[in-house]
Amino acid sequence: MGRRFYPYSTIDRTFFWIGLVAAILAPAAWLWGPLLLAQIVTSIPIGSLAMYIWQDPPESTGAPDYSGILGEVANIAATLEGIRQFLDSERKRISEAELTIARLKADQQVLEPVVKTQRDTVNAILSAHARAQAQGLWKERALSFALGVLASMIAAVVHDLLRN
């Protein structure tokens, strides 16, 4: 609690001495004095004892406790170091991403004309194939029709031969 036997403040010291003198005189007042005087003399040490119990807190010595503050400063320094390391790693990651993006853009610029040329070539091949398919389609249809008619005639002849 930090209390001393002899109080710090002047008021508490005054009550201490009044209470001590009254405590010494209280037994004499009970033995040889009237009852009212004994009660008054007895109440003084009880009141002084109460004041002594609730005396002012001790005055600070003026020397602050820096150990707690230094510990907090060390914690803050460690936290800031962690933040600095995180920011450094993020800067490195961002610079690597920017290099990758720049490399991909350079590749795109190199490959875009090739892809465009290849696309034109592929489109030309597909259109030529479609034209050839369209020309051959009518020939294929005519041949299929002729073969169908021929097959029907052969089937009719075979049917007549088998019927007779």
N, C-alpha and C. Protein backbone atom coordinates (compact mmCIF):
# COMPACT_ATOMS: atom_id res chain seq x y z
N MET A 1 0.81 -1.20 0.00
CA MET A 1 0.00 0.00 0.00
C MET A 1 0.85 1.25 0.00
N GLY A 2 2.04 1.21 0.48
CA GLY A 2 2.94 2.35 0.49
C GLY A 2 2.71 3.28 1.67
N ARG A 3 2.04 2.83 2.72
CA ARG A 3 1.80 3.69 3.89
C ARG A 3 2.99 3.61 4.83
N ARG A 4 3.19 4.72 5.50
CA ARG A 4 4.23 4.76 6.53
C ARG A 4 3.56 4.91 7.89
N PHE A 5 4.30 4.57 8.91
CA PHE A 5 3.76 4.74 10.27
C PHE A 5 3.56 6.22 10.55
N TYR A 6 4.53 7.02 10.16
CA TYR A 6 4.43 8.47 10.36
C TYR A 6 3.99 9.07 9.02
N PRO A 7 2.82 9.73 8.96
CA PRO A 7 2.23 10.18 7.69
C PRO A 7 3.08 11.21 6.96
N TYR A 8 2.77 11.36 5.66
CA TYR A 8 3.49 12.29 4.81
C TYR A 8 3.03 13.73 4.99
N SER A 9 1.71 13.95 4.96
CA SER A 9 1.22 15.33 4.94
C SER A 9 1.11 15.92 6.35
N THR A 10 1.11 17.24 6.41
CA THR A 10 1.04 17.95 7.68
C THR A 10 -0.29 17.72 8.39
N ILE A 11 -1.38 17.68 7.65
CA ILE A 11 -2.69 17.46 8.26
C ILE A 11 -2.74 16.07 8.88
N ASP A 12 -2.25 15.09 8.17
CA ASP A 12 -2.25 13.73 8.71
C ASP A 12 -1.34 13.62 9.94
N ARG A 13 -0.24 14.35 9.94
CA ARG A 13 0.65 14.34 11.11
C ARG A 13 -0.05 14.97 12.32
N THR A 14 -0.81 16.06 12.06
CA THR A 14 -1.52 16.72 13.15
C THR A 14 -2.53 15.76 13.78
N PHE A 15 -3.32 15.09 12.95
CA PHE A 15 -4.28 14.12 13.47
C PHE A 15 -3.57 12.95 14.17
N PHE A 16 -2.40 12.61 13.69
CA PHE A 16 -1.63 11.53 14.33
C PHE A 16 -1.27 11.91 15.77
N TRP A 17 -0.76 13.14 15.95
CA TRP A 17 -0.34 13.56 17.29
C TRP A 17 -1.54 13.78 18.22
N ILE A 18 -2.62 14.36 17.69
CA ILE A 18 -3.83 14.56 18.53
C ILE A 18 -4.36 13.21 18.97
N GLY A 19 -4.41 12.26 18.05
CA GLY A 19 -4.90 10.93 18.38
C GLY A 19 -4.01 10.23 19.39
N LEU A 20 -2.68 10.40 19.24
CA LEU A 20 -1.75 9.75 20.17
C LEU A 20 -1.91 10.32 21.59
N VAL A 21 -2.01 11.66 21.70
CA VAL A 21 -2.19 12.28 23.02
C VAL A 21 -3.52 11.88 23.62
N ALA A 22 -4.59 11.87 22.80
CA ALA A 22 -5.91 11.50 23.30
C ALA A 22 -5.95 10.03 23.70
N ALA A 23 -5.24 9.17 23.00
CA ALA A 23 -5.21 7.75 23.36
C ALA A 23 -4.50 7.54 24.70
N ILE A 24 -3.48 8.38 24.95
CA ILE A 24 -2.77 8.27 26.23
C ILE A 24 -3.67 8.78 27.37
N LEU A 25 -4.45 9.86 27.12
CA LEU A 25 -5.31 10.44 28.15
C LEU A 25 -6.64 9.73 28.33
N ALA A 26 -7.07 8.91 27.37
CA ALA A 26 -8.38 8.26 27.43
C ALA A 26 -8.55 7.35 28.65
N PRO A 27 -7.59 6.51 29.00
CA PRO A 27 -7.80 5.68 30.19
C PRO A 27 -7.95 6.52 31.46
N ALA A 28 -7.21 7.64 31.56
CA ALA A 28 -7.33 8.50 32.74
C ALA A 28 -8.70 9.15 32.79
N ALA A 29 -9.25 9.55 31.62
CA ALA A 29 -10.57 10.17 31.60
C ALA A 29 -11.63 9.16 32.01
N TRP A 30 -11.49 7.92 31.65
CA TRP A 30 -12.46 6.90 32.05
C TRP A 30 -12.38 6.60 33.55
N LEU A 31 -11.17 6.65 34.05
CA LEU A 31 -11.01 6.30 35.48
C LEU A 31 -11.39 7.45 36.41
N TRP A 32 -10.94 8.65 36.12
CA TRP A 32 -11.10 9.74 37.09
C TRP A 32 -12.01 10.86 36.64
N GLY A 33 -12.46 10.87 35.40
CA GLY A 33 -13.26 11.99 34.93
C GLY A 33 -14.72 11.62 34.76
N PRO A 34 -15.55 12.66 34.46
CA PRO A 34 -16.97 12.38 34.20
C PRO A 34 -17.13 11.59 32.90
N LEU A 35 -18.28 10.96 32.73
CA LEU A 35 -18.54 10.09 31.59
C LEU A 35 -18.49 10.87 30.27
N LEU A 36 -19.01 12.06 30.23
CA LEU A 36 -19.02 12.86 28.99
C LEU A 36 -17.60 13.17 28.56
N LEU A 37 -16.75 13.53 29.48
CA LEU A 37 -15.35 13.82 29.17
C LEU A 37 -14.66 12.56 28.66
N ALA A 38 -14.94 11.43 29.26
CA ALA A 38 -14.33 10.17 28.82
C ALA A 38 -14.77 9.83 27.40
N GLN A 39 -16.05 10.07 27.10
CA GLN A 39 -16.54 9.78 25.75
C GLN A 39 -15.89 10.70 24.73
N ILE A 40 -15.73 11.96 25.06
CA ILE A 40 -15.10 12.92 24.13
C ILE A 40 -13.64 12.55 23.92
N VAL A 41 -12.94 12.29 25.00
CA VAL A 41 -11.52 11.96 24.89
C VAL A 41 -11.33 10.64 24.16
N THR A 42 -12.27 9.70 24.28
CA THR A 42 -12.15 8.43 23.57
C THR A 42 -12.50 8.58 22.09
N SER A 43 -13.43 9.46 21.79
CA SER A 43 -13.81 9.62 20.38
C SER A 43 -12.71 10.31 19.57
N ILE A 44 -11.88 11.11 20.21
CA ILE A 44 -10.78 11.78 19.50
C ILE A 44 -9.80 10.78 18.92
N PRO A 45 -9.30 9.78 19.69
CA PRO A 45 -8.38 8.83 19.06
C PRO A 45 -9.06 7.96 18.00
N ILE A 46 -10.37 7.67 18.18
CA ILE A 46 -11.06 6.88 17.15
C ILE A 46 -11.14 7.68 15.85
N GLY A 47 -11.48 8.95 15.94
CA GLY A 47 -11.53 9.81 14.75
C GLY A 47 -10.16 9.99 14.14
N SER A 48 -9.16 10.17 14.99
CA SER A 48 -7.79 10.35 14.48
C SER A 48 -7.31 9.06 13.82
N LEU A 49 -7.70 7.89 14.38
CA LEU A 49 -7.32 6.61 13.79
C LEU A 49 -7.97 6.47 12.40
N ALA A 50 -9.23 6.90 12.29
CA ALA A 50 -9.90 6.85 10.99
C ALA A 50 -9.19 7.76 9.99
N MET A 51 -8.81 8.95 10.41
CA MET A 51 -8.10 9.86 9.52
C MET A 51 -6.73 9.30 9.15
N TYR A 52 -6.12 8.62 10.09
CA TYR A 52 -4.82 8.01 9.82
C TYR A 52 -4.96 6.89 8.80
N ILE A 53 -6.05 6.11 8.88
CA ILE A 53 -6.25 5.01 7.93
C ILE A 53 -6.46 5.57 6.52
N TRP A 54 -7.22 6.66 6.41
CA TRP A 54 -7.48 7.24 5.08
C TRP A 54 -6.56 8.42 4.80
N GLN A 55 -5.33 8.29 5.15
CA GLN A 55 -4.38 9.37 4.94
C GLN A 55 -4.08 9.55 3.45
N ASP A 56 -3.49 10.67 3.11
CA ASP A 56 -3.15 10.98 1.73
C ASP A 56 -2.17 9.95 1.19
N PRO A 57 -2.26 9.65 -0.09
CA PRO A 57 -1.27 8.70 -0.67
C PRO A 57 0.11 9.32 -0.63
N PRO A 58 1.11 8.50 -0.61
CA PRO A 58 2.49 9.02 -0.57
C PRO A 58 2.80 9.86 -1.81
N GLU A 59 3.58 10.88 -1.55
CA GLU A 59 3.99 11.75 -2.66
C GLU A 59 5.01 11.01 -3.51
N SER A 60 4.95 11.28 -4.81
CA SER A 60 5.91 10.59 -5.69
C SER A 60 7.29 11.20 -5.49
N THR A 61 8.27 10.40 -5.75
CA THR A 61 9.65 10.84 -5.56
C THR A 61 10.12 11.71 -6.72
N GLY A 62 9.33 11.75 -7.80
CA GLY A 62 9.71 12.58 -8.94
C GLY A 62 10.52 11.81 -9.97
N ALA A 63 10.97 10.61 -9.65
CA ALA A 63 11.72 9.81 -10.60
C ALA A 63 10.75 8.89 -11.34
N PRO A 64 10.46 9.20 -12.59
CA PRO A 64 9.51 8.37 -13.33
C PRO A 64 10.10 6.99 -13.64
N ASP A 65 9.21 6.03 -13.83
CA ASP A 65 9.62 4.67 -14.14
C ASP A 65 9.71 4.54 -15.66
N TYR A 66 10.93 4.55 -16.16
CA TYR A 66 11.14 4.50 -17.60
C TYR A 66 11.20 3.09 -18.15
N SER A 67 11.27 2.09 -17.30
CA SER A 67 11.41 0.72 -17.82
C SER A 67 10.20 0.29 -18.62
N GLY A 68 9.00 0.64 -18.16
CA GLY A 68 7.80 0.31 -18.92
C GLY A 68 7.74 1.04 -20.24
N ILE A 69 8.13 2.31 -20.21
CA ILE A 69 8.12 3.12 -21.44
C ILE A 69 9.16 2.58 -22.42
N LEU A 70 10.33 2.21 -21.90
CA LEU A 70 11.37 1.67 -22.77
C LEU A 70 10.93 0.34 -23.38
N GLY A 71 10.21 -0.47 -22.61
CA GLY A 71 9.69 -1.72 -23.15
C GLY A 71 8.69 -1.47 -24.27
N GLU A 72 7.81 -0.48 -24.08
CA GLU A 72 6.84 -0.14 -25.13
C GLU A 72 7.54 0.39 -26.36
N VAL A 73 8.57 1.20 -26.16
CA VAL A 73 9.34 1.73 -27.30
C VAL A 73 10.01 0.59 -28.06
N ALA A 74 10.53 -0.39 -27.33
CA ALA A 74 11.14 -1.55 -27.99
C ALA A 74 10.10 -2.33 -28.78
N ASN A 75 8.90 -2.49 -28.22
CA ASN A 75 7.83 -3.18 -28.95
C ASN A 75 7.44 -2.42 -30.21
N ILE A 76 7.35 -1.10 -30.09
CA ILE A 76 7.01 -0.28 -31.25
C ILE A 76 8.10 -0.38 -32.31
N ALA A 77 9.36 -0.38 -31.87
CA ALA A 77 10.47 -0.49 -32.82
C ALA A 77 10.42 -1.83 -33.54
N ALA A 78 10.11 -2.91 -32.81
CA ALA A 78 10.02 -4.23 -33.44
C ALA A 78 8.86 -4.27 -34.44
N THR A 79 7.75 -3.65 -34.08
CA THR A 79 6.60 -3.61 -34.98
C THR A 79 6.94 -2.82 -36.24
N LEU A 80 7.59 -1.68 -36.06
CA LEU A 80 7.97 -0.86 -37.22
C LEU A 80 8.97 -1.59 -38.11
N GLU A 81 9.88 -2.35 -37.52
CA GLU A 81 10.83 -3.14 -38.31
C GLU A 81 10.09 -4.19 -39.12
N GLY A 82 9.10 -4.83 -38.51
CA GLY A 82 8.29 -5.82 -39.23
C GLY A 82 7.54 -5.17 -40.39
N ILE A 83 7.00 -3.99 -40.15
CA ILE A 83 6.29 -3.27 -41.22
C ILE A 83 7.26 -2.89 -42.34
N ARG A 84 8.47 -2.46 -41.96
CA ARG A 84 9.47 -2.09 -42.98
C ARG A 84 9.83 -3.30 -43.83
N GLN A 85 10.04 -4.47 -43.20
CA GLN A 85 10.36 -5.68 -43.96
C GLN A 85 9.22 -6.07 -44.88
N PHE A 86 7.99 -5.95 -44.38
CA PHE A 86 6.83 -6.27 -45.22
C PHE A 86 6.77 -5.34 -46.42
N LEU A 87 6.98 -4.04 -46.20
CA LEU A 87 6.93 -3.09 -47.30
C LEU A 87 8.04 -3.35 -48.31
N ASP A 88 9.24 -3.72 -47.82
CA ASP A 88 10.34 -4.05 -48.73
C ASP A 88 9.98 -5.26 -49.59
N SER A 89 9.41 -6.29 -48.97
CA SER A 89 9.05 -7.48 -49.75
C SER A 89 7.95 -7.16 -50.76
N GLU A 90 7.00 -6.30 -50.37
CA GLU A 90 5.94 -5.92 -51.31
C GLU A 90 6.49 -5.08 -52.45
N ARG A 91 7.44 -4.20 -52.16
CA ARG A 91 8.07 -3.41 -53.24
C ARG A 91 8.80 -4.32 -54.22
N LYS A 92 9.49 -5.32 -53.67
CA LYS A 92 10.21 -6.27 -54.53
C LYS A 92 9.22 -7.05 -55.39
N ARG A 93 8.13 -7.51 -54.80
CA ARG A 93 7.13 -8.27 -55.54
C ARG A 93 6.49 -7.41 -56.63
N ILE A 94 6.23 -6.14 -56.32
CA ILE A 94 5.63 -5.24 -57.31
C ILE A 94 6.60 -4.98 -58.46
N SER A 95 7.89 -4.79 -58.14
CA SER A 95 8.87 -4.55 -59.20
C SER A 95 9.00 -5.78 -60.09
N GLU A 96 8.95 -6.99 -59.50
CA GLU A 96 9.00 -8.21 -60.31
C GLU A 96 7.76 -8.32 -61.19
N ALA A 97 6.61 -7.95 -60.66
CA ALA A 97 5.37 -7.99 -61.46
C ALA A 97 5.45 -6.98 -62.60
N GLU A 98 6.00 -5.79 -62.33
CA GLU A 98 6.13 -4.79 -63.38
C GLU A 98 7.09 -5.26 -64.47
N LEU A 99 8.19 -5.94 -64.09
CA LEU A 99 9.11 -6.49 -65.08
C LEU A 99 8.42 -7.55 -65.93
N THR A 100 7.62 -8.40 -65.31
CA THR A 100 6.89 -9.44 -66.05
C THR A 100 5.91 -8.81 -67.03
N ILE A 101 5.21 -7.77 -66.57
CA ILE A 101 4.26 -7.08 -67.45
C ILE A 101 4.99 -6.45 -68.63
N ALA A 102 6.12 -5.81 -68.37
CA ALA A 102 6.89 -5.19 -69.45
C ALA A 102 7.38 -6.25 -70.45
N ARG A 103 7.84 -7.39 -69.94
CA ARG A 103 8.30 -8.48 -70.81
C ARG A 103 7.15 -9.01 -71.66
N LEU A 104 5.98 -9.18 -71.05
CA LEU A 104 4.82 -9.68 -71.80
C LEU A 104 4.36 -8.68 -72.85
N LYS A 105 4.42 -7.39 -72.55
CA LYS A 105 4.06 -6.38 -73.55
C LYS A 105 5.03 -6.39 -74.72
N ALA A 106 6.32 -6.57 -74.42
CA ALA A 106 7.32 -6.65 -75.50
C ALA A 106 7.05 -7.89 -76.36
N ASP A 107 6.75 -9.02 -75.73
CA ASP A 107 6.42 -10.23 -76.48
C ASP A 107 5.17 -10.03 -77.33
N GLN A 108 4.19 -9.32 -76.78
CA GLN A 108 2.96 -9.06 -77.53
C GLN A 108 3.26 -8.22 -78.76
N GLN A 109 4.11 -7.21 -78.62
CA GLN A 109 4.45 -6.37 -79.77
C GLN A 109 5.20 -7.16 -80.84
N VAL A 110 6.02 -8.11 -80.40
CA VAL A 110 6.77 -8.92 -81.37
C VAL A 110 5.83 -9.92 -82.05
N LEU A 111 4.93 -10.55 -81.28
CA LEU A 111 4.10 -11.62 -81.82
C LEU A 111 2.84 -11.13 -82.53
N GLU A 112 2.41 -9.93 -82.25
CA GLU A 112 1.17 -9.45 -82.84
C GLU A 112 1.22 -9.41 -84.37
N PRO A 113 2.28 -8.91 -85.02
CA PRO A 113 2.32 -8.95 -86.50
C PRO A 113 2.33 -10.38 -87.03
N VAL A 114 3.04 -11.28 -86.34
CA VAL A 114 3.09 -12.68 -86.78
C VAL A 114 1.70 -13.30 -86.70
N VAL A 115 1.02 -13.05 -85.59
CA VAL A 115 -0.32 -13.61 -85.41
C VAL A 115 -1.27 -13.04 -86.45
N LYS A 116 -1.14 -11.75 -86.73
CA LYS A 116 -2.01 -11.13 -87.73
C LYS A 116 -1.75 -11.74 -89.10
N THR A 117 -0.48 -11.92 -89.45
CA THR A 117 -0.12 -12.54 -90.73
C THR A 117 -0.64 -13.97 -90.78
N GLN A 118 -0.45 -14.72 -89.69
CA GLN A 118 -0.93 -16.09 -89.65
C GLN A 118 -2.45 -16.14 -89.73
N ARG A 119 -3.11 -15.21 -89.10
CA ARG A 119 -4.56 -15.16 -89.15
C ARG A 119 -5.04 -14.93 -90.58
N ASP A 120 -4.38 -14.01 -91.28
CA ASP A 120 -4.74 -13.76 -92.68
C ASP A 120 -4.51 -15.00 -93.53
N THR A 121 -3.42 -15.70 -93.28
CA THR A 121 -3.11 -16.92 -94.03
C THR A 121 -4.14 -18.00 -93.75
N VAL A 122 -4.47 -18.17 -92.48
CA VAL A 122 -5.46 -19.19 -92.11
C VAL A 122 -6.81 -18.84 -92.72
N ASN A 123 -7.19 -17.59 -92.71
CA ASN A 123 -8.46 -17.18 -93.31
C ASN A 123 -8.47 -17.45 -94.81
N ALA A 124 -7.36 -17.18 -95.47
CA ALA A 124 -7.27 -17.44 -96.92
C ALA A 124 -7.39 -18.94 -97.21
N ILE A 125 -6.71 -19.76 -96.43
CA ILE A 125 -6.78 -21.22 -96.62
C ILE A 125 -8.21 -21.70 -96.40
N LEU A 126 -8.87 -21.23 -95.36
CA LEU A 126 -10.23 -21.67 -95.08
C LEU A 126 -11.21 -21.23 -96.17
N SER A 127 -11.04 -20.01 -96.69
CA SER A 127 -11.94 -19.55 -97.76
C SER A 127 -11.71 -20.34 -99.04
N ALA A 128 -10.46 -20.68 -99.37
CA ALA A 128 -10.17 -21.50 -100.56
C ALA A 128 -10.77 -22.88 -100.40
N HIS A 129 -10.67 -23.43 -99.22
CA HIS A 129 -11.25 -24.75 -98.95
C HIS A 129 -12.77 -24.70 -99.07
N ALA A 130 -13.37 -23.64 -98.59
CA ALA A 130 -14.83 -23.50 -98.68
C ALA A 130 -15.27 -23.38 -100.14
N ARG A 131 -14.50 -22.63 -100.96
CA ARG A 131 -14.83 -22.51 -102.40
C ARG A 131 -14.69 -23.86 -103.10
N ALA A 132 -13.63 -24.57 -102.78
CA ALA A 132 -13.43 -25.90 -103.39
C ALA A 132 -14.54 -26.84 -102.97
N GLN A 133 -14.95 -26.78 -101.75
CA GLN A 133 -16.05 -27.61 -101.24
C GLN A 133 -17.34 -27.26 -101.97
N ALA A 134 -17.58 -25.96 -102.19
CA ALA A 134 -18.81 -25.53 -102.86
C ALA A 134 -18.84 -26.03 -104.31
N GLN A 135 -17.71 -25.97 -105.00
CA GLN A 135 -17.66 -26.44 -106.39
C GLN A 135 -17.83 -27.96 -106.44
N GLY A 136 -17.18 -28.66 -105.58
CA GLY A 136 -17.26 -30.13 -105.58
C GLY A 136 -18.59 -30.63 -105.05
N LEU A 137 -19.32 -29.79 -104.36
CA LEU A 137 -20.59 -30.20 -103.77
C LEU A 137 -21.62 -30.52 -104.85
N TRP A 138 -21.70 -29.68 -105.88
CA TRP A 138 -22.68 -29.93 -106.95
C TRP A 138 -22.31 -31.18 -107.75
N LYS A 139 -21.04 -31.38 -107.96
CA LYS A 139 -20.62 -32.59 -108.67
C LYS A 139 -20.97 -33.82 -107.86
N GLU A 140 -20.74 -33.73 -106.56
CA GLU A 140 -21.02 -34.86 -105.67
C GLU A 140 -22.51 -35.15 -105.65
N ARG A 141 -23.34 -34.13 -105.62
CA ARG A 141 -24.78 -34.31 -105.59
C ARG A 141 -25.28 -34.94 -106.91
N ALA A 142 -24.76 -34.45 -108.01
CA ALA A 142 -25.17 -35.00 -109.33
C ALA A 142 -24.77 -36.46 -109.43
N LEU A 143 -23.55 -36.79 -109.04
CA LEU A 143 -23.08 -38.18 -109.07
C LEU A 143 -23.93 -39.06 -108.17
N SER A 144 -24.27 -38.56 -107.00
CA SER A 144 -25.09 -39.33 -106.07
C SER A 144 -26.49 -39.56 -106.65
N PHE A 145 -27.05 -38.56 -107.31
CA PHE A 145 -28.38 -38.72 -107.91
C PHE A 145 -28.33 -39.77 -109.03
N ALA A 146 -27.29 -39.69 -109.86
CA ALA A 146 -27.16 -40.64 -110.98
C ALA A 146 -26.99 -42.06 -110.46
N LEU A 147 -26.16 -42.23 -109.44
CA LEU A 147 -25.96 -43.56 -108.87
C LEU A 147 -27.25 -44.06 -108.23
N GLY A 148 -28.04 -43.20 -107.63
CA GLY A 148 -29.31 -43.60 -107.04
C GLY A 148 -30.30 -44.08 -108.10
N VAL A 149 -30.35 -43.35 -109.25
CA VAL A 149 -31.24 -43.75 -110.35
C VAL A 149 -30.80 -45.10 -110.90
N LEU A 150 -29.49 -45.27 -111.11
CA LEU A 150 -28.94 -46.52 -111.62
C LEU A 150 -29.25 -47.67 -110.67
N ALA A 151 -29.11 -47.47 -109.38
CA ALA A 151 -29.39 -48.51 -108.39
C ALA A 151 -30.86 -48.87 -108.41
N SER A 152 -31.73 -47.90 -108.60
CA SER A 152 -33.15 -48.18 -108.68
C SER A 152 -33.48 -49.02 -109.91
N MET A 153 -32.85 -48.73 -111.04
CA MET A 153 -33.07 -49.51 -112.26
C MET A 153 -32.60 -50.95 -112.07
N ILE A 154 -31.44 -51.11 -111.51
CA ILE A 154 -30.91 -52.45 -111.27
C ILE A 154 -31.84 -53.20 -110.33
N ALA A 155 -32.34 -52.54 -109.33
CA ALA A 155 -33.25 -53.18 -108.37
C ALA A 155 -34.54 -53.59 -109.07
N ALA A 156 -35.04 -52.75 -110.01
CA ALA A 156 -36.27 -53.09 -110.72
C ALA A 156 -36.05 -54.30 -111.63
N VAL A 157 -34.90 -54.37 -112.30
CA VAL A 157 -34.57 -55.49 -113.18
C VAL A 157 -34.45 -56.76 -112.34
N VAL A 158 -33.76 -56.73 -111.25
CA VAL A 158 -33.57 -57.89 -110.39
C VAL A 158 -34.93 -58.33 -109.85
N HIS A 159 -35.77 -57.43 -109.57
CA HIS A 159 -37.09 -57.76 -109.04
C HIS A 159 -37.94 -58.47 -110.09
N ASP A 160 -37.88 -57.98 -111.34
CA ASP A 160 -38.63 -58.63 -112.43
C ASP A 160 -38.09 -60.03 -112.69
N LEU A 161 -36.79 -60.19 -112.65
CA LEU A 161 -36.19 -61.50 -112.90
C LEU A 161 -36.58 -62.48 -111.80
N LEU A 162 -36.62 -62.08 -110.65
CA LEU A 162 -36.93 -62.98 -109.54
C LEU A 162 -38.44 -63.26 -109.48
N ARG A 163 -39.23 -62.45 -110.01
CA ARG A 163 -40.66 -62.60 -109.98
C ARG A 163 -41.11 -63.62 -111.03
N ASN A 164 -40.49 -63.65 -112.08
CA ASN A 164 -40.85 -64.57 -113.15
C ASN A 164 -40.28 -65.89 -112.88
